[in-house]
Amino acid sequence: MQKKEFDLLALGEILLRLSPPDNERIVRGDAFQKQVGGAELNVASGVSLLGLRSGIISRIPDTSIGIFAKNKIRFSGVSDDYLVYDTGRDARLGVYYYENGAYPRKPGVVYDRQHSSMTRITADEFPKEIYEAARCFHTSGITLALSGLCRKTGVEMIKRFKEHGTLISFDVNFRGNLWTGEEARECIEGILPYVDIFFCSEDTARLTFGKEGDVKTIMKSFARDYPISVIASTQRTVHSPKVHSFTSVIYDAGKDRYYEEKPYKNIEVVDRIGSGDAYVSGVLYGLLSENGDCEKALKYGNASSAVKNTIPGDMPSLTRTEIQDIIDDHENTGYHSEMKR
């Protein structure tokens, strides 16, 4: 395969996250912790930490808040080569407020992201060389739902990257506060002929695409209807806001084979935001670094997601060596050391 500058490029909005400390409430607390996140940035960050070269394609304000976001991107090892800086008077970074939950109170999110700089992104803002720069291009339904212009740009980029032989990765990542299920279905079904790696939960497949049957039947139906090579579906069990179990299923369409493993049980949840993106990053790392090996992709994906739940903030922060230790412990049926030292 021809050497590319990037293993992964991802298109998505970068968000400022504000959270009350610990389990304080938004309506009562007086302070917020400032962090940066966003679905596709979280994926690019995870891929970078695991050892591949990644970059983010986005549009941010040319302000001190934009510089804060850029610095966080660089700190996570993600390239900012394809950031566009909005110098307009109405330039803004989307914001969301996240409130931790504790049983029986569920976590909460308040969005303030309308009319952000990202919603005005266009494909013309990027050089044509970008479409030859990556082995894999990733985006999600969140990006396509942000605005009509975002949708047009996202679809156009998918097609252009595909024309240059780039693998296309897409995560449905449905958000009901951004678009309806019918809008999502109409748009996403239009791009699925271009998608190689597809992430869709069982619930989303049923509610958005009207799929029936068990998860394996649903996954195979996507591969039957579209030329998708790999389909991944996460399976999370929420015991309480602070205790989850997690695993997934991956379907290799070429081999007509499913890959599964035992769940990570009773995960101590510190912050669940970004754990789905961490899963995507682990799967993509496995596929890109192990010549399409779905079994290894499954292991990296499950471990990355499980451990992200234990880390504050949106973005993951474990290296490949640390993730491998998590995988080894998960598969070990014998003695487990209480501390790594």
C-alpha atoms as a PDB file:
ATOM      1  CA  MET A   1       0.000   0.000   0.000  1.00  0.00           C
ATOM      2  CA  GLN A   2       1.219   3.501  -0.878  1.00  0.00           C
ATOM      3  CA  LYS A   3       2.597   5.408   2.117  1.00  0.00           C
ATOM      4  CA  LYS A   4       0.271   8.224   3.204  1.00  0.00           C
ATOM      5  CA  GLU A   5       1.012  11.238   5.387  1.00  0.00           C
ATOM      6  CA  PHE A   6      -1.766  10.290   7.807  1.00  0.00           C
ATOM      7  CA  ASP A   7      -3.187   6.982   8.944  1.00  0.00           C
ATOM      8  CA  LEU A   8      -6.440   8.748   9.843  1.00  0.00           C
ATOM      9  CA  LEU A   9      -8.076  12.098   9.140  1.00  0.00           C
ATOM     10  CA  ALA A  10     -11.366  12.918  10.872  1.00  0.00           C
ATOM     11  CA  LEU A  11     -13.943  15.612  10.102  1.00  0.00           C
ATOM     12  CA  GLY A  12     -15.868  16.960  13.066  1.00  0.00           C
ATOM     13  CA  GLU A  13     -16.758  19.794  15.411  1.00  0.00           C
ATOM     14  CA  ILE A  14     -14.485  20.684  18.303  1.00  0.00           C
ATOM     15  CA  LEU A  15     -16.410  21.594  21.435  1.00  0.00           C
ATOM     16  CA  LEU A  16     -15.675  23.379  24.680  1.00  0.00           C
ATOM     17  CA  ARG A  17     -16.963  21.298  27.596  1.00  0.00           C
ATOM     18  CA  LEU A  18     -17.885  22.925  30.908  1.00  0.00           C
ATOM     19  CA  SER A  19     -18.620  20.669  33.894  1.00  0.00           C
ATOM     20  CA  PRO A  20     -19.367  21.314  37.569  1.00  0.00           C
ATOM     21  CA  PRO A  21     -16.713  19.619  39.725  1.00  0.00           C
ATOM     22  CA  ASP A  22     -17.427  16.116  41.066  1.00  0.00           C
ATOM     23  CA  ASN A  23     -21.180  15.490  41.328  1.00  0.00           C
ATOM     24  CA  GLU A  24     -22.257  19.123  41.661  1.00  0.00           C
ATOM     25  CA  ARG A  25     -25.293  20.280  39.678  1.00  0.00           C
ATOM     26  CA  ILE A  26     -25.318  22.856  36.869  1.00  0.00           C
ATOM     27  CA  VAL A  27     -28.220  24.747  38.478  1.00  0.00           C
ATOM     28  CA  ARG A  28     -26.471  24.999  41.841  1.00  0.00           C
ATOM     29  CA  GLY A  29     -22.697  25.061  41.458  1.00  0.00           C
ATOM     30  CA  ASP A  30     -20.558  28.196  41.039  1.00  0.00           C
ATOM     31  CA  ALA A  31     -17.606  26.779  39.066  1.00  0.00           C
ATOM     32  CA  PHE A  32     -16.986  24.871  35.848  1.00  0.00           C
ATOM     33  CA  GLN A  33     -14.042  22.750  34.752  1.00  0.00           C
ATOM     34  CA  LYS A  34     -12.935  23.600  31.198  1.00  0.00           C
ATOM     35  CA  GLN A  35     -12.137  20.807  28.736  1.00  0.00           C
ATOM     36  CA  VAL A  36     -12.134  20.162  24.986  1.00  0.00           C
ATOM     37  CA  GLY A  37     -13.798  17.319  23.109  1.00  0.00           C
ATOM     38  CA  GLY A  38     -15.920  16.315  20.167  1.00  0.00           C
ATOM     39  CA  ALA A  39     -16.730  12.895  18.712  1.00  0.00           C
ATOM     40  CA  GLU A  40     -14.256  12.880  15.832  1.00  0.00           C
ATOM     41  CA  LEU A  41     -11.495  14.607  17.819  1.00  0.00           C
ATOM     42  CA  ASN A  42     -11.893  11.933  20.493  1.00  0.00           C
ATOM     43  CA  VAL A  43     -11.424   9.252  17.830  1.00  0.00           C
ATOM     44  CA  ALA A  44      -8.375  10.959  16.317  1.00  0.00           C
ATOM     45  CA  SER A  45      -6.889  11.397  19.798  1.00  0.00           C
ATOM     46  CA  GLY A  46      -7.315   7.715  20.640  1.00  0.00           C
ATOM     47  CA  VAL A  47      -5.754   6.587  17.370  1.00  0.00           C
ATOM     48  CA  SER A  48      -2.812   8.923  17.964  1.00  0.00           C
ATOM     49  CA  LEU A  49      -2.211   7.675  21.515  1.00  0.00           C
ATOM     50  CA  LEU A  50      -2.194   4.081  20.280  1.00  0.00           C
ATOM     51  CA  GLY A  51       0.608   4.923  17.861  1.00  0.00           C
ATOM     52  CA  LEU A  52      -0.751   6.008  14.476  1.00  0.00           C
ATOM     53  CA  ARG A  53      -0.635   9.471  12.884  1.00  0.00           C
ATOM     54  CA  SER A  54      -3.961  11.268  12.909  1.00  0.00           C
ATOM     55  CA  GLY A  55      -5.321  14.721  12.142  1.00  0.00           C
ATOM     56  CA  ILE A  56      -8.548  16.648  12.664  1.00  0.00           C
ATOM     57  CA  ILE A  57     -10.419  18.568   9.953  1.00  0.00           C
ATOM     58  CA  SER A  58     -12.457  21.335  11.548  1.00  0.00           C
ATOM     59  CA  ARG A  59     -13.267  25.035  11.748  1.00  0.00           C
ATOM     60  CA  ILE A  60     -12.656  26.985  14.970  1.00  0.00           C
ATOM     61  CA  PRO A  61     -12.730  30.668  15.993  1.00  0.00           C
ATOM     62  CA  ASP A  62      -9.528  32.692  15.743  1.00  0.00           C
ATOM     63  CA  THR A  63      -9.791  33.700  19.416  1.00  0.00           C
ATOM     64  CA  SER A  64      -8.215  32.760  22.734  1.00  0.00           C
ATOM     65  CA  ILE A  65     -10.838  30.018  23.108  1.00  0.00           C
ATOM     66  CA  GLY A  66      -9.815  28.695  19.695  1.00  0.00           C
ATOM     67  CA  ILE A  67      -6.161  28.743  20.751  1.00  0.00           C
ATOM     68  CA  PHE A  68      -7.068  26.792  23.913  1.00  0.00           C
ATOM     69  CA  ALA A  69      -8.740  24.161  21.717  1.00  0.00           C
ATOM     70  CA  LYS A  70      -5.778  24.043  19.316  1.00  0.00           C
ATOM     71  CA  ASN A  71      -3.348  23.558  22.212  1.00  0.00           C
ATOM     72  CA  LYS A  72      -5.395  20.640  23.542  1.00  0.00           C
ATOM     73  CA  ILE A  73      -5.444  19.076  20.068  1.00  0.00           C
ATOM     74  CA  ARG A  74      -1.663  19.311  19.812  1.00  0.00           C
ATOM     75  CA  PHE A  75      -1.213  17.964  23.341  1.00  0.00           C
ATOM     76  CA  SER A  76      -3.121  14.813  22.373  1.00  0.00           C
ATOM     77  CA  GLY A  77      -0.765  14.258  19.435  1.00  0.00           C
ATOM     78  CA  VAL A  78      -3.359  15.092  16.785  1.00  0.00           C
ATOM     79  CA  SER A  79      -2.267  17.218  13.819  1.00  0.00           C
ATOM     80  CA  ASP A  80      -3.877  20.636  13.413  1.00  0.00           C
ATOM     81  CA  ASP A  81      -2.698  20.990   9.793  1.00  0.00           C
ATOM     82  CA  TYR A  82      -6.296  21.032   8.569  1.00  0.00           C
ATOM     83  CA  LEU A  83      -7.837  23.400  11.068  1.00  0.00           C
ATOM     84  CA  VAL A  84      -9.500  26.440   9.490  1.00  0.00           C
ATOM     85  CA  TYR A  85      -9.620  29.606  11.604  1.00  0.00           C
ATOM     86  CA  ASP A  86     -12.797  31.699  11.546  1.00  0.00           C
ATOM     87  CA  THR A  87     -11.961  35.418  11.798  1.00  0.00           C
ATOM     88  CA  GLY A  88     -15.547  36.662  11.507  1.00  0.00           C
ATOM     89  CA  ARG A  89     -17.284  38.726  14.167  1.00  0.00           C
ATOM     90  CA  ASP A  90     -19.703  35.880  14.888  1.00  0.00           C
ATOM     91  CA  ALA A  91     -16.978  33.218  15.170  1.00  0.00           C
ATOM     92  CA  ARG A  92     -17.623  30.863  18.086  1.00  0.00           C
ATOM     93  CA  LEU A  93     -16.708  27.476  19.475  1.00  0.00           C
ATOM     94  CA  GLY A  94     -19.647  25.225  20.274  1.00  0.00           C
ATOM     95  CA  VAL A  95     -20.166  24.614  23.999  1.00  0.00           C
ATOM     96  CA  TYR A  96     -21.763  21.854  25.998  1.00  0.00           C
ATOM     97  CA  TYR A  97     -22.351  21.523  29.727  1.00  0.00           C
ATOM     98  CA  TYR A  98     -22.063  18.074  31.291  1.00  0.00           C
ATOM     99  CA  GLU A  99     -23.377  17.107  34.706  1.00  0.00           C
ATOM    100  CA  ASN A 100     -22.292  13.837  36.339  1.00  0.00           C
ATOM    101  CA  GLY A 101     -24.964  11.514  37.642  1.00  0.00           C
ATOM    102  CA  ALA A 102     -25.196   9.365  40.758  1.00  0.00           C
ATOM    103  CA  TYR A 103     -27.916   6.770  41.230  1.00  0.00           C
ATOM    104  CA  PRO A 104     -30.835   7.379  40.922  1.00  0.00           C
ATOM    105  CA  ARG A 105     -30.000  10.729  39.266  1.00  0.00           C
ATOM    106  CA  LYS A 106     -28.865  10.306  35.657  1.00  0.00           C
ATOM    107  CA  PRO A 107     -26.097  12.363  33.977  1.00  0.00           C
ATOM    108  CA  GLY A 108     -27.250  15.418  32.022  1.00  0.00           C
ATOM    109  CA  VAL A 109     -26.093  17.416  29.003  1.00  0.00           C
ATOM    110  CA  VAL A 110     -27.023  20.952  27.896  1.00  0.00           C
ATOM    111  CA  TYR A 111     -25.883  22.001  24.406  1.00  0.00           C
ATOM    112  CA  ASP A 112     -25.023  25.515  23.246  1.00  0.00           C
ATOM    113  CA  ARG A 113     -23.612  24.788  19.799  1.00  0.00           C
ATOM    114  CA  GLN A 114     -25.952  26.404  17.267  1.00  0.00           C
ATOM    115  CA  HIS A 115     -24.317  28.721  14.690  1.00  0.00           C
ATOM    116  CA  SER A 116     -20.793  27.703  15.715  1.00  0.00           C
ATOM    117  CA  SER A 117     -17.911  28.277  13.310  1.00  0.00           C
ATOM    118  CA  MET A 118     -18.023  24.593  12.348  1.00  0.00           C
ATOM    119  CA  THR A 119     -21.554  24.884  10.968  1.00  0.00           C
ATOM    120  CA  ARG A 120     -20.188  27.093   8.154  1.00  0.00           C
ATOM    121  CA  ILE A 121     -17.383  24.774   7.008  1.00  0.00           C
ATOM    122  CA  THR A 122     -16.996  24.128   3.271  1.00  0.00           C
ATOM    123  CA  ALA A 123     -14.887  21.698   1.257  1.00  0.00           C
ATOM    124  CA  ASP A 124     -13.422  24.631  -0.707  1.00  0.00           C
ATOM    125  CA  GLU A 125     -11.497  25.737   2.413  1.00  0.00           C
ATOM    126  CA  PHE A 126      -9.133  22.768   2.074  1.00  0.00           C
ATOM    127  CA  PRO A 127      -6.482  22.006  -0.561  1.00  0.00           C
ATOM    128  CA  LYS A 128      -7.211  19.185  -3.004  1.00  0.00           C
ATOM    129  CA  GLU A 129      -4.099  17.386  -1.712  1.00  0.00           C
ATOM    130  CA  ILE A 130      -5.993  16.529   1.471  1.00  0.00           C
ATOM    131  CA  TYR A 131      -7.862  13.749  -0.359  1.00  0.00           C
ATOM    132  CA  GLU A 132      -4.625  11.890  -1.062  1.00  0.00           C
ATOM    133  CA  ALA A 133      -3.175  12.375   2.434  1.00  0.00           C
ATOM    134  CA  ALA A 134      -4.818   9.624   4.512  1.00  0.00           C
ATOM    135  CA  ARG A 135      -5.296   5.870   4.604  1.00  0.00           C
ATOM    136  CA  CYS A 136      -8.650   6.306   6.372  1.00  0.00           C
ATOM    137  CA  PHE A 137     -11.214   9.120   6.627  1.00  0.00           C
ATOM    138  CA  HIS A 138     -13.655   9.155   9.542  1.00  0.00           C
ATOM    139  CA  THR A 139     -16.729  11.196  10.376  1.00  0.00           C
ATOM    140  CA  SER A 140     -20.070  10.697  12.101  1.00  0.00           C
ATOM    141  CA  GLY A 141     -23.769  11.461  11.992  1.00  0.00           C
ATOM    142  CA  ILE A 142     -23.200  14.259  14.491  1.00  0.00           C
ATOM    143  CA  THR A 143     -21.197  16.214  11.904  1.00  0.00           C
ATOM    144  CA  LEU A 144     -23.756  15.613   9.157  1.00  0.00           C
ATOM    145  CA  ALA A 145     -26.555  16.796  11.457  1.00  0.00           C
ATOM    146  CA  LEU A 146     -24.994  20.105  12.548  1.00  0.00           C
ATOM    147  CA  SER A 147     -26.199  22.166   9.576  1.00  0.00           C
ATOM    148  CA  GLY A 148     -27.116  21.890   5.917  1.00  0.00           C
ATOM    149  CA  LEU A 149     -23.662  23.143   4.958  1.00  0.00           C
ATOM    150  CA  CYS A 150     -21.955  20.632   7.277  1.00  0.00           C
ATOM    151  CA  ARG A 151     -23.995  17.865   5.691  1.00  0.00           C
ATOM    152  CA  LYS A 152     -23.068  18.959   2.175  1.00  0.00           C
ATOM    153  CA  THR A 153     -19.382  19.257   3.111  1.00  0.00           C
ATOM    154  CA  GLY A 154     -19.295  15.923   4.912  1.00  0.00           C
ATOM    155  CA  VAL A 155     -20.926  14.020   2.042  1.00  0.00           C
ATOM    156  CA  GLU A 156     -18.692  15.743  -0.512  1.00  0.00           C
ATOM    157  CA  MET A 157     -15.548  14.873   1.469  1.00  0.00           C
ATOM    158  CA  ILE A 158     -16.634  11.231   1.830  1.00  0.00           C
ATOM    159  CA  LYS A 159     -17.018  10.968  -1.937  1.00  0.00           C
ATOM    160  CA  ARG A 160     -13.742  12.748  -2.707  1.00  0.00           C
ATOM    161  CA  PHE A 161     -11.712  10.660  -0.256  1.00  0.00           C
ATOM    162  CA  LYS A 162     -13.305   7.503  -1.637  1.00  0.00           C
ATOM    163  CA  GLU A 163     -12.330   8.494  -5.192  1.00  0.00           C
ATOM    164  CA  HIS A 164      -8.696   8.518  -4.036  1.00  0.00           C
ATOM    165  CA  GLY A 165      -8.858   5.014  -2.580  1.00  0.00           C
ATOM    166  CA  THR A 166      -9.213   6.081   1.065  1.00  0.00           C
ATOM    167  CA  LEU A 167     -10.996   3.787   3.510  1.00  0.00           C
ATOM    168  CA  ILE A 168     -14.195   5.449   4.722  1.00  0.00           C
ATOM    169  CA  SER A 169     -15.194   5.010   8.374  1.00  0.00           C
ATOM    170  CA  PHE A 170     -18.585   6.228   9.587  1.00  0.00           C
ATOM    171  CA  ASP A 171     -20.206   6.215  13.034  1.00  0.00           C
ATOM    172  CA  VAL A 172     -23.977   6.814  13.038  1.00  0.00           C
ATOM    173  CA  ASN A 173     -23.737   8.384  16.528  1.00  0.00           C
ATOM    174  CA  PHE A 174     -27.393   9.440  16.373  1.00  0.00           C
ATOM    175  CA  ARG A 175     -28.391  12.503  18.402  1.00  0.00           C
ATOM    176  CA  GLY A 176     -32.115  13.199  18.575  1.00  0.00           C
ATOM    177  CA  ASN A 177     -31.549  16.846  19.539  1.00  0.00           C
ATOM    178  CA  LEU A 178     -29.742  17.464  16.208  1.00  0.00           C
ATOM    179  CA  TRP A 179     -32.022  15.738  13.671  1.00  0.00           C
ATOM    180  CA  THR A 180     -34.908  13.305  13.399  1.00  0.00           C
ATOM    181  CA  GLY A 181     -34.542   9.595  12.795  1.00  0.00           C
ATOM    182  CA  GLU A 182     -36.047   9.989   9.328  1.00  0.00           C
ATOM    183  CA  GLU A 183     -33.616  12.779   8.413  1.00  0.00           C
ATOM    184  CA  ALA A 184     -30.718  10.666   9.626  1.00  0.00           C
ATOM    185  CA  ARG A 185     -31.884   7.601   7.709  1.00  0.00           C
ATOM    186  CA  GLU A 186     -32.348   9.476   4.436  1.00  0.00           C
ATOM    187  CA  CYS A 187     -28.912  11.111   4.630  1.00  0.00           C
ATOM    188  CA  ILE A 188     -26.955   8.116   5.887  1.00  0.00           C
ATOM    189  CA  GLU A 189     -28.463   5.661   3.433  1.00  0.00           C
ATOM    190  CA  GLY A 190     -27.169   7.994   0.723  1.00  0.00           C
ATOM    191  CA  ILE A 191     -23.560   7.639   1.892  1.00  0.00           C
ATOM    192  CA  LEU A 192     -23.510   3.955   2.879  1.00  0.00           C
ATOM    193  CA  PRO A 193     -22.487   2.887  -0.657  1.00  0.00           C
ATOM    194  CA  TYR A 194     -19.169   4.690   0.041  1.00  0.00           C
ATOM    195  CA  VAL A 195     -18.587   3.364   3.582  1.00  0.00           C
ATOM    196  CA  ASP A 196     -16.054   0.599   4.343  1.00  0.00           C
ATOM    197  CA  ILE A 197     -16.177   0.539   8.166  1.00  0.00           C
ATOM    198  CA  PHE A 198     -19.563   1.152   9.795  1.00  0.00           C
ATOM    199  CA  PHE A 199     -20.360   1.733  13.478  1.00  0.00           C
ATOM    200  CA  CYS A 200     -24.012   1.415  14.495  1.00  0.00           C
ATOM    201  CA  SER A 201     -25.580   0.289  17.761  1.00  0.00           C
ATOM    202  CA  GLU A 202     -28.427  -2.215  17.795  1.00  0.00           C
ATOM    203  CA  ASP A 203     -30.884   0.334  19.204  1.00  0.00           C
ATOM    204  CA  THR A 204     -29.980   2.912  16.547  1.00  0.00           C
ATOM    205  CA  ALA A 205     -30.315   0.300  13.797  1.00  0.00           C
ATOM    206  CA  ARG A 206     -33.845  -0.483  14.980  1.00  0.00           C
ATOM    207  CA  LEU A 207     -35.056   3.059  15.666  1.00  0.00           C
ATOM    208  CA  THR A 208     -33.373   4.896  12.789  1.00  0.00           C
ATOM    209  CA  PHE A 209     -33.157   2.281  10.034  1.00  0.00           C
ATOM    210  CA  GLY A 210     -36.162   0.139  10.954  1.00  0.00           C
ATOM    211  CA  LYS A 211     -34.057  -3.009  11.227  1.00  0.00           C
ATOM    212  CA  GLU A 212     -35.496  -6.204  12.762  1.00  0.00           C
ATOM    213  CA  GLY A 213     -34.021  -9.395  14.210  1.00  0.00           C
ATOM    214  CA  ASP A 214     -31.093  -9.889  16.569  1.00  0.00           C
ATOM    215  CA  VAL A 215     -27.898  -7.842  16.355  1.00  0.00           C
ATOM    216  CA  LYS A 216     -26.113 -10.325  14.081  1.00  0.00           C
ATOM    217  CA  THR A 217     -29.020 -10.427  11.641  1.00  0.00           C
ATOM    218  CA  ILE A 218     -29.068  -6.624  11.602  1.00  0.00           C
ATOM    219  CA  MET A 219     -25.329  -6.390  10.937  1.00  0.00           C
ATOM    220  CA  LYS A 220     -25.479  -8.893   8.087  1.00  0.00           C
ATOM    221  CA  SER A 221     -28.406  -7.004   6.540  1.00  0.00           C
ATOM    222  CA  PHE A 222     -26.299  -3.832   6.277  1.00  0.00           C
ATOM    223  CA  ALA A 223     -23.534  -5.806   4.555  1.00  0.00           C
ATOM    224  CA  ARG A 224     -26.088  -7.377   2.211  1.00  0.00           C
ATOM    225  CA  ASP A 225     -27.569  -4.026   1.198  1.00  0.00           C
ATOM    226  CA  TYR A 226     -24.304  -2.047   0.935  1.00  0.00           C
ATOM    227  CA  PRO A 227     -20.628  -2.791   0.094  1.00  0.00           C
ATOM    228  CA  ILE A 228     -19.538  -2.407   3.725  1.00  0.00           C
ATOM    229  CA  SER A 229     -16.527  -4.499   4.758  1.00  0.00           C
ATOM    230  CA  VAL A 230     -16.654  -4.221   8.572  1.00  0.00           C
ATOM    231  CA  ILE A 231     -19.631  -3.504  10.832  1.00  0.00           C
ATOM    232  CA  ALA A 232     -19.260  -2.921  14.576  1.00  0.00           C
ATOM    233  CA  SER A 233     -21.985  -2.696  17.217  1.00  0.00           C
ATOM    234  CA  THR A 234     -21.387  -1.852  20.883  1.00  0.00           C
ATOM    235  CA  GLN A 235     -23.270  -3.485  23.749  1.00  0.00           C
ATOM    236  CA  ARG A 236     -23.393  -1.505  26.997  1.00  0.00           C
ATOM    237  CA  THR A 237     -25.265  -2.549  30.133  1.00  0.00           C
ATOM    238  CA  VAL A 238     -25.896   0.332  32.554  1.00  0.00           C
ATOM    239  CA  HIS A 239     -26.252  -1.052  36.084  1.00  0.00           C
ATOM    240  CA  SER A 240     -26.144   2.474  37.541  1.00  0.00           C
ATOM    241  CA  PRO A 241     -24.551   5.819  36.484  1.00  0.00           C
ATOM    242  CA  LYS A 242     -21.329   4.654  38.157  1.00  0.00           C
ATOM    243  CA  VAL A 243     -21.317   0.948  37.173  1.00  0.00           C
ATOM    244  CA  HIS A 244     -21.452  -0.317  33.578  1.00  0.00           C
ATOM    245  CA  SER A 245     -20.541  -3.477  31.656  1.00  0.00           C
ATOM    246  CA  PHE A 246     -19.328  -3.293  28.056  1.00  0.00           C
ATOM    247  CA  THR A 247     -18.573  -5.458  25.040  1.00  0.00           C
ATOM    248  CA  SER A 248     -19.253  -5.438  21.289  1.00  0.00           C
ATOM    249  CA  VAL A 249     -19.730  -7.500  18.150  1.00  0.00           C
ATOM    250  CA  ILE A 250     -17.778  -7.032  14.906  1.00  0.00           C
ATOM    251  CA  TYR A 251     -18.862  -8.560  11.601  1.00  0.00           C
ATOM    252  CA  ASP A 252     -16.317  -9.185   8.840  1.00  0.00           C
ATOM    253  CA  ALA A 253     -18.428  -9.243   5.681  1.00  0.00           C
ATOM    254  CA  GLY A 254     -15.679 -10.695   3.476  1.00  0.00           C
ATOM    255  CA  LYS A 255     -15.228 -13.704   5.760  1.00  0.00           C
ATOM    256  CA  ASP A 256     -18.896 -13.799   6.835  1.00  0.00           C
ATOM    257  CA  ARG A 257     -17.667 -14.078  10.414  1.00  0.00           C
ATOM    258  CA  TYR A 258     -18.625 -12.501  13.725  1.00  0.00           C
ATOM    259  CA  TYR A 259     -16.130 -11.608  16.449  1.00  0.00           C
ATOM    260  CA  GLU A 260     -17.102 -11.397  20.128  1.00  0.00           C
ATOM    261  CA  GLU A 261     -15.519 -11.614  23.570  1.00  0.00           C
ATOM    262  CA  LYS A 262     -16.675 -11.631  27.176  1.00  0.00           C
ATOM    263  CA  PRO A 263     -17.746  -8.220  28.497  1.00  0.00           C
ATOM    264  CA  TYR A 264     -15.739  -5.939  30.745  1.00  0.00           C
ATOM    265  CA  LYS A 265     -17.948  -6.210  33.826  1.00  0.00           C
ATOM    266  CA  ASN A 266     -18.695  -3.685  36.564  1.00  0.00           C
ATOM    267  CA  ILE A 267     -16.610  -0.861  35.074  1.00  0.00           C
ATOM    268  CA  GLU A 268     -16.104   1.946  37.599  1.00  0.00           C
ATOM    269  CA  VAL A 269     -17.489   4.892  35.670  1.00  0.00           C
ATOM    270  CA  VAL A 270     -15.782   8.204  36.353  1.00  0.00           C
ATOM    271  CA  ASP A 271     -16.862   9.834  33.073  1.00  0.00           C
ATOM    272  CA  ARG A 272     -18.667   7.932  30.302  1.00  0.00           C
ATOM    273  CA  ILE A 273     -18.514  10.770  27.735  1.00  0.00           C
ATOM    274  CA  GLY A 274     -16.248   9.765  24.851  1.00  0.00           C
ATOM    275  CA  SER A 275     -16.228   6.042  25.670  1.00  0.00           C
ATOM    276  CA  GLY A 276     -18.035   5.240  22.414  1.00  0.00           C
ATOM    277  CA  ASP A 277     -15.492   7.319  20.505  1.00  0.00           C
ATOM    278  CA  ALA A 278     -12.687   5.505  22.328  1.00  0.00           C
ATOM    279  CA  TYR A 279     -14.193   2.257  21.068  1.00  0.00           C
ATOM    280  CA  VAL A 280     -14.128   3.554  17.494  1.00  0.00           C
ATOM    281  CA  SER A 281     -10.503   4.641  17.897  1.00  0.00           C
ATOM    282  CA  GLY A 282      -9.493   1.220  19.191  1.00  0.00           C
ATOM    283  CA  VAL A 283     -11.245  -0.610  16.368  1.00  0.00           C
ATOM    284  CA  LEU A 284      -9.752   1.677  13.715  1.00  0.00           C
ATOM    285  CA  TYR A 285      -6.303   1.315  15.247  1.00  0.00           C
ATOM    286  CA  GLY A 286      -6.637  -2.463  15.161  1.00  0.00           C
ATOM    287  CA  LEU A 287      -7.823  -2.533  11.561  1.00  0.00           C
ATOM    288  CA  LEU A 288      -5.202  -0.062  10.319  1.00  0.00           C
ATOM    289  CA  SER A 289      -2.240  -1.470  12.239  1.00  0.00           C
ATOM    290  CA  GLU A 290      -3.053  -5.184  11.955  1.00  0.00           C
ATOM    291  CA  ASN A 291      -3.936  -5.458   8.258  1.00  0.00           C
ATOM    292  CA  GLY A 292      -7.701  -5.543   8.800  1.00  0.00           C
ATOM    293  CA  ASP A 293      -7.638  -8.093  11.644  1.00  0.00           C
ATOM    294  CA  CYS A 294     -11.139  -7.851  13.144  1.00  0.00           C
ATOM    295  CA  GLU A 295     -10.304  -9.995  16.170  1.00  0.00           C
ATOM    296  CA  LYS A 296      -7.542  -7.640  17.249  1.00  0.00           C
ATOM    297  CA  ALA A 297      -9.702  -4.629  16.383  1.00  0.00           C
ATOM    298  CA  LEU A 298     -12.384  -5.994  18.722  1.00  0.00           C
ATOM    299  CA  LYS A 299      -9.907  -6.369  21.587  1.00  0.00           C
ATOM    300  CA  TYR A 300      -8.463  -2.862  21.152  1.00  0.00           C
ATOM    301  CA  GLY A 301     -11.938  -1.360  20.789  1.00  0.00           C
ATOM    302  CA  ASN A 302     -13.447  -3.000  23.866  1.00  0.00           C
ATOM    303  CA  ALA A 303     -10.427  -2.260  26.060  1.00  0.00           C
ATOM    304  CA  SER A 304     -10.201   1.371  24.899  1.00  0.00           C
ATOM    305  CA  SER A 305     -13.870   1.984  25.593  1.00  0.00           C
ATOM    306  CA  ALA A 306     -13.916   0.218  28.949  1.00  0.00           C
ATOM    307  CA  VAL A 307     -10.927   2.109  30.310  1.00  0.00           C
ATOM    308  CA  LYS A 308     -12.063   5.507  28.947  1.00  0.00           C
ATOM    309  CA  ASN A 309     -15.017   5.317  31.349  1.00  0.00           C
ATOM    310  CA  THR A 310     -12.494   5.575  34.200  1.00  0.00           C
ATOM    311  CA  ILE A 311     -10.864   8.798  32.939  1.00  0.00           C
ATOM    312  CA  PRO A 312     -12.260  12.365  33.328  1.00  0.00           C
ATOM    313  CA  GLY A 313     -12.880  14.376  30.169  1.00  0.00           C
ATOM    314  CA  ASP A 314     -13.871  13.481  26.625  1.00  0.00           C
ATOM    315  CA  MET A 315     -10.561  12.265  25.243  1.00  0.00           C
ATOM    316  CA  PRO A 316      -8.739   9.021  26.098  1.00  0.00           C
ATOM    317  CA  SER A 317      -5.269   9.118  27.644  1.00  0.00           C
ATOM    318  CA  LEU A 318      -3.837   5.585  27.571  1.00  0.00           C
ATOM    319  CA  THR A 319      -1.003   4.415  25.341  1.00  0.00           C
ATOM    320  CA  ARG A 320      -0.875   1.188  23.346  1.00  0.00           C
ATOM    321  CA  THR A 321       1.240  -0.490  26.066  1.00  0.00           C
ATOM    322  CA  GLU A 322      -1.308   0.432  28.738  1.00  0.00           C
ATOM    323  CA  ILE A 323      -4.217  -0.761  26.586  1.00  0.00           C
ATOM    324  CA  GLN A 324      -2.384  -4.028  25.929  1.00  0.00           C
ATOM    325  CA  ASP A 325      -2.023  -4.491  29.698  1.00  0.00           C
ATOM    326  CA  ILE A 326      -5.797  -3.991  30.037  1.00  0.00           C
ATOM    327  CA  ILE A 327      -6.396  -6.620  27.335  1.00  0.00           C
ATOM    328  CA  ASP A 328      -3.985  -9.077  28.968  1.00  0.00           C
ATOM    329  CA  ASP A 329      -5.669  -8.657  32.359  1.00  0.00           C
ATOM    330  CA  HIS A 330      -9.095  -9.124  30.762  1.00  0.00           C
ATOM    331  CA  GLU A 331      -8.028 -12.403  29.170  1.00  0.00           C
ATOM    332  CA  ASN A 332      -6.128 -13.641  32.222  1.00  0.00           C
ATOM    333  CA  THR A 333      -8.083 -16.224  34.219  1.00  0.00           C
ATOM    334  CA  GLY A 334      -5.415 -16.590  36.905  1.00  0.00           C
ATOM    335  CA  TYR A 335      -3.793 -14.236  39.406  1.00  0.00           C
ATOM    336  CA  HIS A 336      -4.318 -10.481  38.947  1.00  0.00           C
ATOM    337  CA  SER A 337      -1.892  -8.032  40.521  1.00  0.00           C
ATOM    338  CA  GLU A 338      -3.631  -5.248  42.468  1.00  0.00           C
ATOM    339  CA  MET A 339      -1.133  -2.608  41.311  1.00  0.00           C
ATOM    340  CA  LYS A 340       1.104  -2.106  38.299  1.00  0.00           C
ATOM    341  CA  ARG A 341       4.623  -1.310  39.616  1.00  0.00           C
END
